[in-house]
Amino acid sequence: MKKDHRPYYLKWLSHKFEKWYANHFLAPQCEHFGQNLVFMKPWGLILYGEQISIGDYTTLIATMEKRIRLTSWTANGKSGKVEIGRHCLICPGTRIMSATAITIGDDCMMAQNVCITDADWHDLYDRSASIGNTEAVTIDKNVWIGDSAMICKGVHIGENAVIGAGSVVAKDIPANAIAAGNPASVIKYLDMDRPIISRSQWMADPKRMGEYFDAVERIMREKNSLFGWFRTMLFPRKGD
């Protein structure tokens, strides 16, 4: 479909249901479940383990084809830990798997199919071992991780850094660097004379932003009707 044909009130009800679902089914599974989280298809978010925290105003976008998986694995009496900061963006297919600790700072953005892990998950020689080597991962504030990038155990990524699509990050990346490749290496640095606008700055007035997006939804759907929506679902035609 080129357009969402649902009338405004159906989209509003959909948002309400997603919020209810997240609070009812996901919040109890988290050590910390932030305020004003935004979910798209929260039933596509899979949580496993005890120590999972999601910061305020974070947006999580899942699809049934590309679920988001957050895992804190327990082995040998010790639990992994996943801590996601405020105002982050997590896109479909993202997997974050911890046996020790993964800390993601405020304002970070993870594109589709990003994988972040702090363990090998099997030993090189004793492949019956369930964890293998493990070392904490730290991602500082305002880091942007591109599509299908993989962040490996023990890595520290500095503030504002950008990780290119498809990169495999096996070593530390300094602040303000743009890194890409397999293994990822720094290809250049951001121009620090230019301002960097973070998601928290963009969302500085959440009430005003909410009112703006609500007004946009109303305008976009003012010609939509329940009958028209049913027609597109049952009898789609060119241009829908």
Protein backbone atom coordinates (compact mmCIF):
# COMPACT_ATOMS: atom_id res chain seq x y z
CA MET A 1 0.00 0.00 0.00
CA LYS A 2 1.19 3.51 -0.83
CA LYS A 3 -0.94 4.92 1.98
CA ASP A 4 -2.40 3.95 5.35
CA HIS A 5 -6.13 4.11 4.63
CA ARG A 6 -7.30 3.80 8.22
CA PRO A 7 -9.38 6.70 9.51
CA TYR A 8 -7.85 8.81 12.27
CA TYR A 9 -9.77 7.23 15.13
CA LEU A 10 -8.63 3.72 14.14
CA LYS A 11 -4.98 4.82 14.08
CA TRP A 12 -5.51 6.51 17.47
CA LEU A 13 -6.99 3.30 18.88
CA SER A 14 -4.07 1.35 17.43
CA HIS A 15 -1.58 3.60 19.25
CA LYS A 16 -3.55 3.20 22.48
CA PHE A 17 -3.55 -0.58 22.12
CA GLU A 18 0.21 -0.68 21.45
CA LYS A 19 0.83 1.39 24.58
CA TRP A 20 -1.46 -0.85 26.64
CA TYR A 21 0.21 -4.00 25.29
CA ALA A 22 3.69 -2.68 26.11
CA ASN A 23 2.75 -1.69 29.66
CA HIS A 24 0.82 -4.90 30.29
CA PHE A 25 3.16 -7.50 28.77
CA LEU A 26 6.61 -5.92 28.43
CA ALA A 27 6.99 -3.61 31.44
CA PRO A 28 6.81 -6.46 34.00
CA GLN A 29 9.73 -8.17 32.25
CA CYS A 30 12.06 -5.17 32.60
CA GLU A 31 14.15 -4.05 35.53
CA HIS A 32 13.46 -0.49 34.39
CA PHE A 33 10.77 0.48 31.89
CA GLY A 34 11.01 4.16 31.04
CA GLN A 35 8.32 6.80 30.71
CA ASN A 36 6.82 7.83 27.37
CA LEU A 37 8.28 4.96 25.41
CA VAL A 38 7.10 4.69 21.81
CA PHE A 39 6.40 1.23 20.40
CA MET A 40 5.45 0.16 16.91
CA LYS A 41 4.19 -3.45 16.98
CA PRO A 42 5.41 -4.15 20.53
CA TRP A 43 4.39 -7.81 20.12
CA GLY A 44 7.45 -8.04 17.87
CA LEU A 45 9.74 -7.28 20.84
CA ILE A 46 11.16 -10.41 22.52
CA LEU A 47 12.64 -10.01 26.01
CA TYR A 48 14.61 -12.76 27.73
CA GLY A 49 16.30 -12.50 31.13
CA GLU A 50 16.03 -10.37 34.22
CA GLN A 51 18.29 -7.35 33.91
CA ILE A 52 16.91 -5.38 30.98
CA SER A 53 16.40 -1.62 31.28
CA ILE A 54 14.94 0.76 28.68
CA GLY A 55 15.27 4.52 29.17
CA ASP A 56 12.61 7.23 28.86
CA TYR A 57 11.39 8.37 25.43
CA THR A 58 13.08 5.53 23.59
CA THR A 59 11.44 4.38 20.34
CA LEU A 60 11.33 0.68 19.45
CA ILE A 61 10.10 -0.31 15.99
CA ALA A 62 9.51 -4.00 15.41
CA THR A 63 7.89 -6.01 12.63
CA MET A 64 6.75 -9.61 12.67
CA GLU A 65 9.37 -10.42 10.04
CA LYS A 66 12.15 -8.59 11.92
CA ARG A 67 11.68 -8.82 15.65
CA ILE A 68 13.73 -6.94 18.24
CA ARG A 69 15.42 -9.29 20.73
CA LEU A 70 16.89 -8.11 24.05
CA THR A 71 18.57 -10.89 26.01
CA SER A 72 20.34 -10.98 29.37
CA TRP A 73 21.69 -14.51 29.66
CA THR A 74 22.32 -16.21 33.02
CA ALA A 75 25.15 -18.73 33.36
CA ASN A 76 27.31 -19.91 36.26
CA GLY A 77 25.14 -17.94 38.65
CA LYS A 78 25.82 -14.62 36.92
CA SER A 79 23.38 -12.64 34.79
CA GLY A 80 24.06 -10.44 31.82
CA LYS A 81 22.71 -6.91 31.80
CA VAL A 82 21.26 -4.73 29.03
CA GLU A 83 20.91 -1.01 29.76
CA ILE A 84 19.47 1.24 27.05
CA GLY A 85 19.54 4.99 27.65
CA ARG A 86 16.99 7.74 27.05
CA HIS A 87 15.79 8.94 23.65
CA CYS A 88 17.28 5.98 21.79
CA LEU A 89 15.98 4.54 18.51
CA ILE A 90 15.93 0.78 17.95
CA CYS A 91 14.85 -0.42 14.50
CA PRO A 92 13.53 -3.80 13.27
CA GLY A 93 15.75 -6.85 13.51
CA THR A 94 18.04 -5.45 16.22
CA ARG A 95 19.51 -8.07 18.58
CA ILE A 96 21.22 -7.14 21.84
CA MET A 97 22.60 -10.17 23.73
CA SER A 98 24.46 -9.92 27.02
CA ALA A 99 26.25 -12.41 29.26
CA THR A 100 28.12 -9.68 31.18
CA ALA A 101 26.93 -6.12 30.47
CA ILE A 102 25.93 -4.00 27.48
CA THR A 103 25.47 -0.30 28.22
CA ILE A 104 24.00 1.97 25.55
CA GLY A 105 24.03 5.73 26.22
CA ASP A 106 21.33 8.31 25.59
CA ASP A 107 20.36 9.32 22.05
CA CYS A 108 21.85 6.27 20.34
CA MET A 109 20.34 5.03 17.08
CA MET A 110 20.42 1.44 15.87
CA ALA A 111 19.36 0.80 12.29
CA GLN A 112 17.81 -2.46 11.06
CA ASN A 113 19.47 -5.80 11.83
CA VAL A 114 22.12 -4.41 14.18
CA CYS A 115 23.67 -7.05 16.43
CA ILE A 116 25.38 -6.16 19.73
CA THR A 117 26.91 -8.95 21.80
CA ASP A 118 29.33 -9.14 24.72
CA ALA A 119 30.15 -12.85 24.40
CA ASP A 120 31.37 -15.46 21.92
CA TRP A 121 28.57 -17.81 23.07
CA HIS A 122 30.82 -20.86 22.57
CA ASP A 123 34.44 -21.58 23.42
CA LEU A 124 36.81 -22.07 20.48
CA TYR A 125 37.88 -25.48 21.73
CA ASP A 126 35.22 -26.61 24.21
CA ARG A 127 32.15 -25.98 22.11
CA SER A 128 29.88 -27.41 24.77
CA ALA A 129 30.53 -24.22 26.78
CA SER A 130 27.47 -21.99 26.58
CA ILE A 131 29.18 -18.59 26.91
CA GLY A 132 32.83 -18.74 25.91
CA ASN A 133 34.76 -15.50 26.38
CA THR A 134 32.72 -12.51 27.50
CA GLU A 135 33.59 -8.85 28.08
CA ALA A 136 31.35 -5.83 28.63
CA VAL A 137 30.35 -3.52 25.76
CA THR A 138 29.96 0.23 26.27
CA ILE A 139 28.38 2.53 23.69
CA ASP A 140 28.52 6.21 24.64
CA LYS A 141 25.92 8.90 23.95
CA ASN A 142 24.61 9.77 20.51
CA VAL A 143 26.21 6.89 18.61
CA TRP A 144 24.65 5.93 15.27
CA ILE A 145 25.04 2.28 14.26
CA GLY A 146 24.24 1.52 10.62
CA ASP A 147 22.23 -1.26 9.03
CA SER A 148 23.42 -4.83 9.76
CA ALA A 149 26.49 -3.71 11.73
CA MET A 150 27.82 -6.05 14.41
CA ILE A 151 29.35 -4.83 17.68
CA CYS A 152 31.52 -7.50 19.32
CA LYS A 153 32.53 -8.20 22.91
CA GLY A 154 34.76 -5.79 24.83
CA VAL A 155 34.18 -2.87 22.47
CA HIS A 156 33.89 0.76 23.61
CA ILE A 157 32.40 3.19 21.09
CA GLY A 158 32.90 6.86 21.88
CA GLU A 159 30.31 9.65 21.90
CA ASN A 160 28.83 10.79 18.56
CA ALA A 161 30.60 8.05 16.60
CA VAL A 162 29.02 6.65 13.42
CA ILE A 163 29.36 2.97 12.47
CA GLY A 164 28.86 2.23 8.79
CA ALA A 165 26.37 -0.31 7.47
CA GLY A 166 27.58 -3.91 7.53
CA SER A 167 30.60 -3.14 9.71
CA VAL A 168 32.05 -5.61 12.21
CA VAL A 169 33.38 -3.67 15.19
CA ALA A 170 35.94 -5.75 17.09
CA LYS A 171 38.06 -2.90 18.53
CA ASP A 172 37.34 0.40 20.26
CA ILE A 173 36.13 3.33 18.15
CA PRO A 174 36.97 6.82 19.45
CA ALA A 175 34.50 9.66 19.96
CA ASN A 176 33.35 11.63 16.90
CA ALA A 177 34.79 9.04 14.50
CA ILE A 178 33.17 7.55 11.41
CA ALA A 179 34.16 3.89 11.14
CA ALA A 180 33.37 1.21 8.58
CA GLY A 181 34.55 -2.13 7.26
CA ASN A 182 35.28 -5.66 8.46
CA PRO A 183 37.04 -5.28 10.79
CA ALA A 184 35.85 -1.70 11.26
CA SER A 185 38.41 1.09 11.26
CA VAL A 186 38.20 4.87 11.40
CA ILE A 187 37.86 6.43 7.96
CA LYS A 188 37.40 10.05 9.07
CA TYR A 189 36.17 12.27 11.90
CA LEU A 190 33.15 14.50 12.25
CA ASP A 191 33.61 18.22 11.69
CA MET A 192 33.34 19.50 15.26
CA ASP A 193 32.77 23.06 14.01
CA ARG A 194 29.31 21.93 12.92
CA PRO A 195 26.56 21.44 15.53
CA ILE A 196 25.42 17.89 16.22
CA ILE A 197 21.69 17.71 16.99
CA SER A 198 20.74 14.74 19.16
CA ARG A 199 17.37 13.02 19.51
CA SER A 200 16.93 14.46 23.00
CA GLN A 201 17.26 17.98 21.57
CA TRP A 202 14.77 17.12 18.83
CA MET A 203 12.38 15.76 21.46
CA ALA A 204 13.02 18.51 24.01
CA ASP A 205 9.32 19.43 24.20
CA PRO A 206 7.50 16.07 24.01
CA LYS A 207 4.06 17.59 24.56
CA ARG A 208 4.45 20.00 21.67
CA MET A 209 5.90 17.25 19.48
CA GLY A 210 2.99 14.96 20.31
CA GLU A 211 0.48 17.66 19.40
CA TYR A 212 2.31 18.31 16.13
CA PHE A 213 2.31 14.66 15.05
CA ASP A 214 -1.32 14.28 16.10
CA ALA A 215 -2.25 17.26 13.90
CA VAL A 216 -0.30 15.73 11.00
CA GLU A 217 -2.15 12.43 11.45
CA ARG A 218 -5.50 14.21 11.37
CA ILE A 219 -4.63 16.09 8.17
CA MET A 220 -3.27 12.97 6.44
CA ARG A 221 -6.40 10.96 7.29
CA GLU A 222 -9.13 13.55 6.93
CA LYS A 223 -10.43 11.90 3.73
CA ASN A 224 -10.10 8.33 5.03
CA SER A 225 -13.24 6.39 5.94
CA LEU A 226 -14.04 3.03 7.49
CA PHE A 227 -15.69 1.89 4.24
CA GLY A 228 -12.67 3.00 2.20
CA TRP A 229 -10.30 1.15 4.52
CA PHE A 230 -12.34 -2.07 4.23
CA ARG A 231 -12.39 -1.67 0.45
CA THR A 232 -8.59 -1.41 0.24
CA MET A 233 -8.20 -4.44 2.49
CA LEU A 234 -10.60 -6.62 0.51
CA PHE A 235 -10.38 -5.19 -3.01
CA PRO A 236 -7.04 -3.35 -3.42
CA ARG A 237 -6.45 -1.56 -6.67
CA LYS A 238 -3.68 0.37 -8.37
CA GLY A 239 -2.89 3.60 -6.55
CA ASP A 240 -3.85 2.34 -3.08
